[in-house]
Amino acid sequence: MSTPLRWAGRLVPLLVLVVWLVIGGGLGPYAGKLGEVATNDQAAFLPRSAESTRVLVEQEAFRQEETLPALVVWTAPGDGRLDPAAQAAATRALASLKGAPGVVGAPSPALPSTDGEALRGIVQLRPDLGDELPATIGRIDAAVSAVPGTEAWLGGPAATQADLTDAFAGIDGLLLVVALVTVLVILLLVYRSVLL
């Protein structure tokens, strides 16, 4: 094979790669702007007089802001049943949380289970609490645990997120550095190359 053909064989893939990178680099940011001109609204494709369009417009009145629910469950110690006084006290405990930092709207009343052995209630929280979530969950726990003759349990997405925040709060930089060094050493042993 002659030298010019050999050089052409090496330059063509390199040239294609450079052209691809230039085109992708120049036009790539415009792919994200597609959402600005595209519409996914179903009402845009239907006539205004269609019943489906009117239903979509009316549904807007029922949309609520997103919240992070905290579920509260009360049970009687042992296998006992809860009396109406416990339900009233649990409802008062939930109502006392209205207007508390991080709480959205009014909490639900305490509702009994079908067998009468438990009560349940929901407290809606702001989804953007971040680091304030564990303190908010603590306030809820303090309020609902004060119901006499019951044991209170917290659950739902808010409690799960608070537990995850607490679980990962103890991870420090030293642990992450040790994990990174271990992975790099394993990769170095496997591939036997610093570049790879």
N, C-alpha and C. Protein backbone atom coordinates (compact mmCIF):
# COMPACT_ATOMS: atom_id res chain seq x y z
N MET A 1 0.85 -1.17 0.00
CA MET A 1 0.00 0.00 0.00
C MET A 1 0.90 1.24 0.00
N SER A 2 0.57 2.21 -0.81
CA SER A 2 1.42 3.38 -0.93
C SER A 2 1.19 4.31 0.26
N THR A 3 2.12 5.18 0.47
CA THR A 3 2.09 6.09 1.61
C THR A 3 0.91 7.07 1.55
N PRO A 4 0.57 7.69 0.38
CA PRO A 4 -0.58 8.60 0.37
C PRO A 4 -1.89 7.89 0.72
N LEU A 5 -2.09 6.66 0.29
CA LEU A 5 -3.30 5.94 0.63
C LEU A 5 -3.35 5.60 2.13
N ARG A 6 -2.18 5.30 2.66
CA ARG A 6 -2.10 5.00 4.07
C ARG A 6 -2.47 6.24 4.90
N TRP A 7 -1.96 7.41 4.50
CA TRP A 7 -2.29 8.65 5.21
C TRP A 7 -3.78 8.98 5.05
N ALA A 8 -4.32 8.74 3.87
CA ALA A 8 -5.74 9.02 3.64
C ALA A 8 -6.60 8.10 4.51
N GLY A 9 -6.18 6.84 4.65
CA GLY A 9 -6.91 5.89 5.48
C GLY A 9 -6.93 6.29 6.94
N ARG A 10 -5.90 6.99 7.39
CA ARG A 10 -5.85 7.45 8.78
C ARG A 10 -6.55 8.80 8.96
N LEU A 11 -6.50 9.63 7.94
CA LEU A 11 -7.08 10.96 8.06
C LEU A 11 -8.60 10.98 7.94
N VAL A 12 -9.15 10.07 7.14
CA VAL A 12 -10.60 10.08 6.93
C VAL A 12 -11.36 9.84 8.25
N PRO A 13 -11.03 8.83 9.04
CA PRO A 13 -11.74 8.67 10.31
C PRO A 13 -11.52 9.86 11.27
N LEU A 14 -10.30 10.39 11.26
CA LEU A 14 -10.01 11.54 12.11
C LEU A 14 -10.81 12.76 11.65
N LEU A 15 -10.90 12.96 10.35
CA LEU A 15 -11.67 14.07 9.81
C LEU A 15 -13.17 13.92 10.12
N VAL A 16 -13.69 12.71 9.99
CA VAL A 16 -15.09 12.46 10.31
C VAL A 16 -15.35 12.74 11.79
N LEU A 17 -14.44 12.35 12.66
CA LEU A 17 -14.58 12.60 14.09
C LEU A 17 -14.57 14.09 14.39
N VAL A 18 -13.67 14.83 13.78
CA VAL A 18 -13.59 16.28 14.01
C VAL A 18 -14.87 16.96 13.52
N VAL A 19 -15.35 16.59 12.33
CA VAL A 19 -16.57 17.19 11.79
C VAL A 19 -17.75 16.86 12.70
N TRP A 20 -17.83 15.62 13.16
CA TRP A 20 -18.92 15.22 14.05
C TRP A 20 -18.89 16.02 15.35
N LEU A 21 -17.68 16.23 15.93
CA LEU A 21 -17.57 17.00 17.17
C LEU A 21 -17.92 18.46 16.94
N VAL A 22 -17.51 19.04 15.81
CA VAL A 22 -17.83 20.43 15.53
C VAL A 22 -19.33 20.62 15.36
N ILE A 23 -19.96 19.73 14.60
CA ILE A 23 -21.41 19.83 14.40
C ILE A 23 -22.15 19.58 15.71
N GLY A 24 -21.76 18.54 16.43
CA GLY A 24 -22.41 18.24 17.70
C GLY A 24 -22.20 19.33 18.73
N GLY A 25 -21.00 19.89 18.78
CA GLY A 25 -20.71 20.96 19.73
C GLY A 25 -21.44 22.24 19.38
N GLY A 26 -21.58 22.52 18.11
CA GLY A 26 -22.25 23.74 17.69
C GLY A 26 -23.76 23.66 17.78
N LEU A 27 -24.32 22.52 17.44
CA LEU A 27 -25.78 22.39 17.42
C LEU A 27 -26.35 21.70 18.65
N GLY A 28 -25.50 21.08 19.46
CA GLY A 28 -25.96 20.35 20.65
C GLY A 28 -26.79 21.17 21.61
N PRO A 29 -26.38 22.41 21.95
CA PRO A 29 -27.18 23.19 22.90
C PRO A 29 -28.59 23.49 22.42
N TYR A 30 -28.81 23.48 21.11
CA TYR A 30 -30.15 23.77 20.60
C TYR A 30 -31.12 22.61 20.81
N ALA A 31 -30.61 21.42 21.07
CA ALA A 31 -31.50 20.28 21.33
C ALA A 31 -32.30 20.51 22.62
N GLY A 32 -31.69 21.17 23.61
CA GLY A 32 -32.38 21.46 24.85
C GLY A 32 -33.46 22.51 24.70
N LYS A 33 -33.38 23.32 23.66
CA LYS A 33 -34.37 24.38 23.44
C LYS A 33 -35.59 23.87 22.70
N LEU A 34 -35.59 22.61 22.32
CA LEU A 34 -36.73 22.06 21.61
C LEU A 34 -37.99 22.11 22.47
N GLY A 35 -37.84 21.93 23.76
CA GLY A 35 -38.99 21.97 24.66
C GLY A 35 -39.66 23.33 24.72
N GLU A 36 -38.94 24.41 24.36
CA GLU A 36 -39.52 25.74 24.38
C GLU A 36 -40.53 25.95 23.26
N VAL A 37 -40.34 25.26 22.14
CA VAL A 37 -41.22 25.46 20.99
C VAL A 37 -42.20 24.31 20.81
N ALA A 38 -41.96 23.18 21.47
CA ALA A 38 -42.87 22.04 21.35
C ALA A 38 -43.98 22.16 22.39
N THR A 39 -45.14 21.62 22.06
CA THR A 39 -46.25 21.64 23.01
C THR A 39 -46.76 20.21 23.21
N ASN A 40 -46.97 19.86 24.46
CA ASN A 40 -47.50 18.55 24.80
C ASN A 40 -48.90 18.67 25.39
N ASP A 41 -49.46 19.87 25.33
CA ASP A 41 -50.79 20.11 25.87
C ASP A 41 -51.83 19.44 24.97
N GLN A 42 -52.62 18.54 25.54
CA GLN A 42 -53.60 17.81 24.75
C GLN A 42 -54.67 18.73 24.19
N ALA A 43 -54.97 19.80 24.91
CA ALA A 43 -56.01 20.71 24.45
C ALA A 43 -55.60 21.45 23.19
N ALA A 44 -54.31 21.55 22.91
CA ALA A 44 -53.86 22.26 21.72
C ALA A 44 -54.20 21.51 20.44
N PHE A 45 -54.45 20.23 20.53
CA PHE A 45 -54.72 19.42 19.35
C PHE A 45 -56.21 19.15 19.15
N LEU A 46 -57.04 19.67 20.05
CA LEU A 46 -58.48 19.43 19.97
C LEU A 46 -59.20 20.75 19.69
N PRO A 47 -60.38 20.69 19.09
CA PRO A 47 -61.16 21.92 18.91
C PRO A 47 -61.60 22.47 20.27
N ARG A 48 -61.73 23.79 20.35
CA ARG A 48 -62.12 24.41 21.62
C ARG A 48 -63.51 23.98 22.08
N SER A 49 -64.36 23.59 21.15
CA SER A 49 -65.72 23.21 21.52
C SER A 49 -65.83 21.75 21.96
N ALA A 50 -64.77 20.99 21.85
CA ALA A 50 -64.82 19.57 22.23
C ALA A 50 -64.99 19.43 23.74
N GLU A 51 -65.73 18.40 24.16
CA GLU A 51 -65.93 18.16 25.59
C GLU A 51 -64.62 17.88 26.29
N SER A 52 -63.72 17.18 25.62
CA SER A 52 -62.43 16.86 26.23
C SER A 52 -61.64 18.12 26.53
N THR A 53 -61.72 19.10 25.66
CA THR A 53 -61.02 20.36 25.89
C THR A 53 -61.61 21.08 27.10
N ARG A 54 -62.92 21.10 27.20
CA ARG A 54 -63.55 21.76 28.34
C ARG A 54 -63.21 21.05 29.65
N VAL A 55 -63.13 19.73 29.62
CA VAL A 55 -62.75 18.97 30.82
C VAL A 55 -61.33 19.31 31.24
N LEU A 56 -60.42 19.40 30.29
CA LEU A 56 -59.03 19.74 30.62
C LEU A 56 -58.94 21.13 31.24
N VAL A 57 -59.74 22.06 30.73
CA VAL A 57 -59.74 23.41 31.29
C VAL A 57 -60.31 23.39 32.71
N GLU A 58 -61.37 22.64 32.93
CA GLU A 58 -61.99 22.58 34.26
C GLU A 58 -61.10 21.86 35.27
N GLN A 59 -60.26 20.94 34.81
CA GLN A 59 -59.38 20.21 35.72
C GLN A 59 -58.37 21.12 36.39
N GLU A 60 -58.03 22.22 35.75
CA GLU A 60 -57.05 23.15 36.32
C GLU A 60 -57.51 23.67 37.68
N ALA A 61 -58.82 23.79 37.88
CA ALA A 61 -59.34 24.29 39.16
C ALA A 61 -59.10 23.28 40.29
N PHE A 62 -58.90 22.02 39.97
CA PHE A 62 -58.73 20.99 40.99
C PHE A 62 -57.27 20.67 41.28
N ARG A 63 -56.37 21.25 40.53
CA ARG A 63 -54.95 20.96 40.76
C ARG A 63 -54.51 21.57 42.08
N GLN A 64 -53.74 20.81 42.81
CA GLN A 64 -53.23 21.28 44.08
C GLN A 64 -51.72 21.35 43.99
N GLU A 65 -51.15 22.14 44.88
CA GLU A 65 -49.70 22.21 44.88
C GLU A 65 -49.13 20.90 45.42
N GLU A 66 -47.93 20.58 44.99
CA GLU A 66 -47.31 19.33 45.44
C GLU A 66 -46.90 19.46 46.89
N THR A 67 -47.12 18.40 47.62
CA THR A 67 -46.73 18.37 49.03
C THR A 67 -46.04 17.04 49.32
N LEU A 68 -45.46 16.99 50.50
CA LEU A 68 -44.78 15.78 50.96
C LEU A 68 -45.57 15.27 52.17
N PRO A 69 -46.36 14.19 52.00
CA PRO A 69 -47.21 13.75 53.11
C PRO A 69 -46.45 12.99 54.19
N ALA A 70 -46.81 13.31 55.41
CA ALA A 70 -46.33 12.55 56.57
C ALA A 70 -47.56 11.83 57.13
N LEU A 71 -47.50 10.51 57.20
CA LEU A 71 -48.61 9.71 57.70
C LEU A 71 -48.40 9.41 59.18
N VAL A 72 -49.47 9.57 59.94
CA VAL A 72 -49.41 9.32 61.38
C VAL A 72 -50.38 8.19 61.69
N VAL A 73 -49.92 7.21 62.45
CA VAL A 73 -50.77 6.09 62.86
C VAL A 73 -50.66 5.95 64.37
N TRP A 74 -51.81 5.89 65.03
CA TRP A 74 -51.86 5.66 66.47
C TRP A 74 -52.42 4.27 66.72
N THR A 75 -51.83 3.57 67.65
CA THR A 75 -52.35 2.27 68.07
C THR A 75 -52.43 2.27 69.60
N ALA A 76 -53.26 1.40 70.11
CA ALA A 76 -53.36 1.24 71.56
C ALA A 76 -52.24 0.31 72.01
N PRO A 77 -51.69 0.55 73.19
CA PRO A 77 -50.67 -0.39 73.69
C PRO A 77 -51.26 -1.79 73.81
N GLY A 78 -50.50 -2.78 73.42
CA GLY A 78 -51.00 -4.15 73.43
C GLY A 78 -51.93 -4.34 72.25
N ASP A 79 -53.01 -5.09 72.46
CA ASP A 79 -53.97 -5.33 71.39
C ASP A 79 -55.31 -4.67 71.66
N GLY A 80 -55.29 -3.58 72.40
CA GLY A 80 -56.55 -2.93 72.78
C GLY A 80 -57.15 -2.10 71.66
N ARG A 81 -58.39 -1.68 71.91
CA ARG A 81 -59.09 -0.83 70.95
C ARG A 81 -58.99 0.62 71.44
N LEU A 82 -59.06 1.54 70.51
CA LEU A 82 -59.01 2.96 70.85
C LEU A 82 -60.42 3.49 71.03
N ASP A 83 -60.61 4.30 72.06
CA ASP A 83 -61.93 4.86 72.32
C ASP A 83 -62.11 6.21 71.61
N PRO A 84 -63.31 6.74 71.57
CA PRO A 84 -63.56 8.03 70.91
C PRO A 84 -62.76 9.19 71.53
N ALA A 85 -62.43 9.09 72.82
CA ALA A 85 -61.64 10.15 73.45
C ALA A 85 -60.24 10.21 72.84
N ALA A 86 -59.69 9.04 72.53
CA ALA A 86 -58.37 9.01 71.89
C ALA A 86 -58.44 9.61 70.49
N GLN A 87 -59.54 9.35 69.79
CA GLN A 87 -59.70 9.92 68.45
C GLN A 87 -59.80 11.45 68.52
N ALA A 88 -60.53 11.95 69.49
CA ALA A 88 -60.66 13.41 69.65
C ALA A 88 -59.31 14.04 70.02
N ALA A 89 -58.55 13.37 70.89
CA ALA A 89 -57.24 13.89 71.28
C ALA A 89 -56.27 13.86 70.10
N ALA A 90 -56.35 12.81 69.29
CA ALA A 90 -55.48 12.71 68.12
C ALA A 90 -55.83 13.78 67.09
N THR A 91 -57.11 14.05 66.92
CA THR A 91 -57.54 15.10 65.99
C THR A 91 -57.05 16.46 66.48
N ARG A 92 -57.13 16.70 67.80
CA ARG A 92 -56.62 17.96 68.35
C ARG A 92 -55.11 18.07 68.16
N ALA A 93 -54.39 16.95 68.34
CA ALA A 93 -52.94 16.98 68.15
C ALA A 93 -52.59 17.32 66.70
N LEU A 94 -53.33 16.76 65.75
CA LEU A 94 -53.08 17.08 64.35
C LEU A 94 -53.43 18.54 64.06
N ALA A 95 -54.56 19.01 64.61
CA ALA A 95 -54.98 20.39 64.37
C ALA A 95 -53.98 21.39 64.93
N SER A 96 -53.28 21.01 66.00
CA SER A 96 -52.29 21.92 66.59
C SER A 96 -51.11 22.16 65.67
N LEU A 97 -50.94 21.32 64.65
CA LEU A 97 -49.83 21.48 63.72
C LEU A 97 -50.13 22.47 62.60
N LYS A 98 -51.38 22.91 62.49
CA LYS A 98 -51.74 23.86 61.44
C LYS A 98 -50.96 25.16 61.64
N GLY A 99 -50.32 25.61 60.59
CA GLY A 99 -49.52 26.83 60.65
C GLY A 99 -48.11 26.63 61.17
N ALA A 100 -47.75 25.41 61.56
CA ALA A 100 -46.40 25.15 62.04
C ALA A 100 -45.42 25.28 60.87
N PRO A 101 -44.17 25.62 61.15
CA PRO A 101 -43.19 25.76 60.06
C PRO A 101 -43.07 24.47 59.24
N GLY A 102 -43.22 24.61 57.94
CA GLY A 102 -43.10 23.48 57.03
C GLY A 102 -44.41 22.78 56.72
N VAL A 103 -45.46 23.02 57.51
CA VAL A 103 -46.74 22.36 57.31
C VAL A 103 -47.56 23.18 56.33
N VAL A 104 -48.16 22.49 55.35
CA VAL A 104 -48.99 23.14 54.34
C VAL A 104 -50.45 22.84 54.64
N GLY A 105 -51.26 23.87 54.77
CA GLY A 105 -52.69 23.68 54.98
C GLY A 105 -53.00 23.08 56.34
N ALA A 106 -54.20 22.56 56.43
CA ALA A 106 -54.66 21.95 57.68
C ALA A 106 -54.49 20.44 57.60
N PRO A 107 -53.93 19.84 58.64
CA PRO A 107 -53.83 18.38 58.66
C PRO A 107 -55.21 17.73 58.68
N SER A 108 -55.27 16.49 58.25
CA SER A 108 -56.55 15.77 58.25
C SER A 108 -56.95 15.44 59.68
N PRO A 109 -58.22 15.15 59.90
CA PRO A 109 -58.59 14.66 61.24
C PRO A 109 -58.11 13.22 61.42
N ALA A 110 -58.09 12.77 62.64
CA ALA A 110 -57.71 11.38 62.92
C ALA A 110 -58.90 10.50 62.58
N LEU A 111 -58.69 9.55 61.70
CA LEU A 111 -59.76 8.65 61.26
C LEU A 111 -59.51 7.25 61.79
N PRO A 112 -60.55 6.58 62.28
CA PRO A 112 -60.35 5.23 62.82
C PRO A 112 -60.24 4.19 61.70
N SER A 113 -59.52 3.13 61.99
CA SER A 113 -59.45 2.00 61.05
C SER A 113 -60.76 1.23 61.13
N THR A 114 -60.97 0.32 60.20
CA THR A 114 -62.24 -0.42 60.17
C THR A 114 -62.40 -1.31 61.40
N ASP A 115 -61.30 -1.79 61.97
CA ASP A 115 -61.41 -2.66 63.15
C ASP A 115 -61.36 -1.88 64.46
N GLY A 116 -61.15 -0.58 64.40
CA GLY A 116 -61.14 0.25 65.60
C GLY A 116 -59.89 0.16 66.43
N GLU A 117 -58.86 -0.53 65.93
CA GLU A 117 -57.64 -0.71 66.71
C GLU A 117 -56.57 0.31 66.38
N ALA A 118 -56.83 1.21 65.42
CA ALA A 118 -55.83 2.21 65.04
C ALA A 118 -56.53 3.47 64.54
N LEU A 119 -55.78 4.56 64.60
CA LEU A 119 -56.21 5.84 64.02
C LEU A 119 -55.15 6.25 63.02
N ARG A 120 -55.59 7.03 62.03
CA ARG A 120 -54.62 7.50 61.04
C ARG A 120 -54.92 8.94 60.68
N GLY A 121 -53.86 9.67 60.33
CA GLY A 121 -54.00 11.06 59.92
C GLY A 121 -52.86 11.42 58.98
N ILE A 122 -53.05 12.51 58.24
CA ILE A 122 -52.04 12.94 57.28
C ILE A 122 -51.71 14.40 57.53
N VAL A 123 -50.42 14.70 57.52
CA VAL A 123 -49.94 16.07 57.62
C VAL A 123 -49.15 16.35 56.34
N GLN A 124 -49.59 17.36 55.60
CA GLN A 124 -48.92 17.71 54.35
C GLN A 124 -47.79 18.71 54.64
N LEU A 125 -46.61 18.41 54.09
CA LEU A 125 -45.44 19.27 54.30
C LEU A 125 -44.99 19.87 52.98
N ARG A 126 -44.27 20.98 53.07
CA ARG A 126 -43.68 21.58 51.87
C ARG A 126 -42.62 20.63 51.31
N PRO A 127 -42.56 20.44 49.99
CA PRO A 127 -41.58 19.51 49.43
C PRO A 127 -40.16 20.06 49.41
N ASP A 128 -39.98 21.36 49.67
CA ASP A 128 -38.65 21.97 49.57
C ASP A 128 -38.02 22.22 50.93
N LEU A 129 -38.35 21.43 51.94
CA LEU A 129 -37.83 21.67 53.28
C LEU A 129 -36.34 21.40 53.39
N GLY A 130 -35.83 20.42 52.66
CA GLY A 130 -34.40 20.13 52.68
C GLY A 130 -33.91 19.75 54.06
N ASP A 131 -32.94 20.52 54.59
CA ASP A 131 -32.34 20.22 55.89
C ASP A 131 -33.30 20.48 57.06
N GLU A 132 -34.39 21.21 56.82
CA GLU A 132 -35.36 21.49 57.88
C GLU A 132 -36.33 20.32 58.08
N LEU A 133 -36.32 19.33 57.17
CA LEU A 133 -37.28 18.23 57.26
C LEU A 133 -37.17 17.44 58.56
N PRO A 134 -35.96 17.03 59.01
CA PRO A 134 -35.91 16.27 60.27
C PRO A 134 -36.48 17.05 61.47
N ALA A 135 -36.25 18.37 61.52
CA ALA A 135 -36.80 19.16 62.62
C ALA A 135 -38.32 19.23 62.53
N THR A 136 -38.85 19.34 61.32
CA THR A 136 -40.30 19.37 61.14
C THR A 136 -40.92 18.04 61.54
N ILE A 137 -40.29 16.94 61.13
CA ILE A 137 -40.77 15.62 61.52
C ILE A 137 -40.70 15.46 63.05
N GLY A 138 -39.67 16.02 63.67
CA GLY A 138 -39.56 15.98 65.13
C GLY A 138 -40.70 16.72 65.81
N ARG A 139 -41.09 17.88 65.25
CA ARG A 139 -42.23 18.62 65.82
C ARG A 139 -43.52 17.82 65.68
N ILE A 140 -43.69 17.18 64.53
CA ILE A 140 -44.89 16.37 64.33
C ILE A 140 -44.90 15.21 65.33
N ASP A 141 -43.75 14.56 65.48
CA ASP A 141 -43.66 13.43 66.40
C ASP A 141 -43.96 13.86 67.83
N ALA A 142 -43.46 15.02 68.23
CA ALA A 142 -43.72 15.50 69.60
C ALA A 142 -45.20 15.78 69.80
N ALA A 143 -45.86 16.34 68.77
CA ALA A 143 -47.28 16.67 68.92
C ALA A 143 -48.15 15.43 68.96
N VAL A 144 -47.87 14.46 68.09
CA VAL A 144 -48.75 13.29 68.01
C VAL A 144 -48.44 12.26 69.09
N SER A 145 -47.26 12.31 69.66
CA SER A 145 -46.92 11.37 70.74
C SER A 145 -47.57 11.76 72.05
N ALA A 146 -48.11 12.98 72.13
CA ALA A 146 -48.73 13.45 73.37
C ALA A 146 -50.16 12.95 73.55
N VAL A 147 -50.66 12.16 72.62
CA VAL A 147 -52.03 11.63 72.75
C VAL A 147 -52.00 10.53 73.82
N PRO A 148 -52.75 10.70 74.91
CA PRO A 148 -52.68 9.72 76.00
C PRO A 148 -53.29 8.37 75.61
N GLY A 149 -52.67 7.32 76.12
CA GLY A 149 -53.18 5.97 75.90
C GLY A 149 -52.93 5.42 74.51
N THR A 150 -52.00 6.03 73.76
CA THR A 150 -51.71 5.55 72.40
C THR A 150 -50.20 5.53 72.16
N GLU A 151 -49.82 4.78 71.16
CA GLU A 151 -48.46 4.82 70.63
C GLU A 151 -48.56 5.41 69.23
N ALA A 152 -47.74 6.41 68.94
CA ALA A 152 -47.79 7.08 67.63
C ALA A 152 -46.63 6.61 66.76
N TRP A 153 -46.94 6.44 65.49
CA TRP A 153 -45.95 6.00 64.52
C TRP A 153 -46.00 6.94 63.32
N LEU A 154 -44.84 7.36 62.83
CA LEU A 154 -44.77 8.23 61.66
C LEU A 154 -44.28 7.43 60.47
N GLY A 155 -44.85 7.71 59.32
CA GLY A 155 -44.45 7.03 58.09
C GLY A 155 -44.73 7.91 56.90
N GLY A 156 -44.71 7.32 55.72
CA GLY A 156 -44.98 8.06 54.51
C GLY A 156 -43.71 8.64 53.90
N PRO A 157 -43.85 9.30 52.77
CA PRO A 157 -42.68 9.85 52.06
C PRO A 157 -41.87 10.84 52.90
N ALA A 158 -42.52 11.67 53.71
CA ALA A 158 -41.78 12.66 54.49
C ALA A 158 -40.89 11.98 55.53
N ALA A 159 -41.43 10.98 56.24
CA ALA A 159 -40.63 10.28 57.25
C ALA A 159 -39.50 9.48 56.60
N THR A 160 -39.78 8.89 55.46
CA THR A 160 -38.74 8.13 54.75
C THR A 160 -37.61 9.05 54.33
N GLN A 161 -37.97 10.22 53.79
CA GLN A 161 -36.93 11.16 53.36
C GLN A 161 -36.13 11.67 54.55
N ALA A 162 -36.78 11.92 55.67
CA ALA A 162 -36.06 12.36 56.87
C ALA A 162 -35.12 11.27 57.37
N ASP A 163 -35.56 10.01 57.34
CA ASP A 163 -34.69 8.91 57.76
C ASP A 163 -33.48 8.77 56.84
N LEU A 164 -33.69 8.93 55.54
CA LEU A 164 -32.56 8.87 54.60
C LEU A 164 -31.58 10.01 54.84
N THR A 165 -32.11 11.19 55.13
CA THR A 165 -31.24 12.33 55.42
C THR A 165 -30.40 12.05 56.65
N ASP A 166 -31.02 11.50 57.69
CA ASP A 166 -30.27 11.16 58.91
C ASP A 166 -29.25 10.07 58.66
N ALA A 167 -29.60 9.09 57.84
CA ALA A 167 -28.69 7.97 57.58
C ALA A 167 -27.45 8.42 56.83
N PHE A 168 -27.61 9.33 55.88
CA PHE A 168 -26.46 9.75 55.08
C PHE A 168 -25.74 10.95 55.66
N ALA A 169 -26.26 11.53 56.76
CA ALA A 169 -25.61 12.68 57.36
C ALA A 169 -24.29 12.28 58.02
N GLY A 170 -24.17 11.01 58.44
CA GLY A 170 -22.96 10.57 59.11
C GLY A 170 -21.81 10.20 58.18
N ILE A 171 -22.06 10.18 56.90
CA ILE A 171 -20.99 9.83 55.97
C ILE A 171 -20.06 11.03 55.85
N ASP A 172 -18.80 10.80 56.16
CA ASP A 172 -17.85 11.91 56.10
C ASP A 172 -16.90 11.76 54.92
N GLY A 173 -16.09 12.77 54.72
CA GLY A 173 -15.17 12.81 53.59
C GLY A 173 -14.14 11.70 53.62
N LEU A 174 -13.69 11.29 54.80
CA LEU A 174 -12.67 10.24 54.88
C LEU A 174 -13.17 8.93 54.29
N LEU A 175 -14.42 8.59 54.57
CA LEU A 175 -15.00 7.37 54.02
C LEU A 175 -15.05 7.43 52.50
N LEU A 176 -15.44 8.58 51.97
CA LEU A 176 -15.50 8.73 50.52
C LEU A 176 -14.11 8.65 49.88
N VAL A 177 -13.10 9.24 50.52
CA VAL A 177 -11.73 9.18 50.00
C VAL A 177 -11.23 7.75 50.00
N VAL A 178 -11.48 7.00 51.08
CA VAL A 178 -11.05 5.60 51.14
C VAL A 178 -11.72 4.79 50.05
N ALA A 179 -13.00 5.00 49.82
CA ALA A 179 -13.71 4.28 48.76
C ALA A 179 -13.14 4.62 47.39
N LEU A 180 -12.85 5.90 47.14
CA LEU A 180 -12.29 6.32 45.85
C LEU A 180 -10.92 5.72 45.62
N VAL A 181 -10.07 5.74 46.63
CA VAL A 181 -8.72 5.16 46.49
C VAL A 181 -8.82 3.66 46.25
N THR A 182 -9.72 2.98 46.95
CA THR A 182 -9.89 1.54 46.75
C THR A 182 -10.31 1.23 45.32
N VAL A 183 -11.25 1.98 44.80
CA VAL A 183 -11.70 1.76 43.42
C VAL A 183 -10.57 2.02 42.44
N LEU A 184 -9.81 3.07 42.65
CA LEU A 184 -8.70 3.38 41.74
C LEU A 184 -7.63 2.28 41.79
N VAL A 185 -7.33 1.75 42.97
CA VAL A 185 -6.35 0.67 43.08
C VAL A 185 -6.85 -0.58 42.36
N ILE A 186 -8.11 -0.91 42.51
CA ILE A 186 -8.67 -2.08 41.82
C ILE A 186 -8.60 -1.88 40.32
N LEU A 187 -8.95 -0.71 39.84
CA LEU A 187 -8.86 -0.44 38.40
C LEU A 187 -7.43 -0.52 37.90
N LEU A 188 -6.49 -0.02 38.70
CA LEU A 188 -5.08 -0.09 38.31
C LEU A 188 -4.60 -1.53 38.24
N LEU A 189 -5.03 -2.37 39.18
CA LEU A 189 -4.63 -3.78 39.17
C LEU A 189 -5.28 -4.53 38.01
N VAL A 190 -6.52 -4.22 37.69
CA VAL A 190 -7.22 -4.93 36.64
C VAL A 190 -6.69 -4.54 35.27
N TYR A 191 -6.58 -3.24 35.02
CA TYR A 191 -6.22 -2.79 33.67
C TYR A 191 -4.72 -2.57 33.50
N ARG A 192 -3.96 -2.49 34.58
CA ARG A 192 -2.51 -2.32 34.55
C ARG A 192 -2.10 -1.11 33.71
N SER A 193 -2.90 -0.06 33.82
CA SER A 193 -2.61 1.14 33.09
C SER A 193 -3.14 2.33 33.87
N VAL A 194 -2.28 3.33 34.05
CA VAL A 194 -2.69 4.52 34.78
C VAL A 194 -3.72 5.31 33.96
N LEU A 195 -3.56 5.33 32.64
CA LEU A 195 -4.48 6.08 31.79
C LEU A 195 -5.87 5.49 31.81
N LEU A 196 -5.97 4.17 31.77
CA LEU A 196 -7.30 3.55 31.77
C LEU A 196 -7.93 3.67 33.13
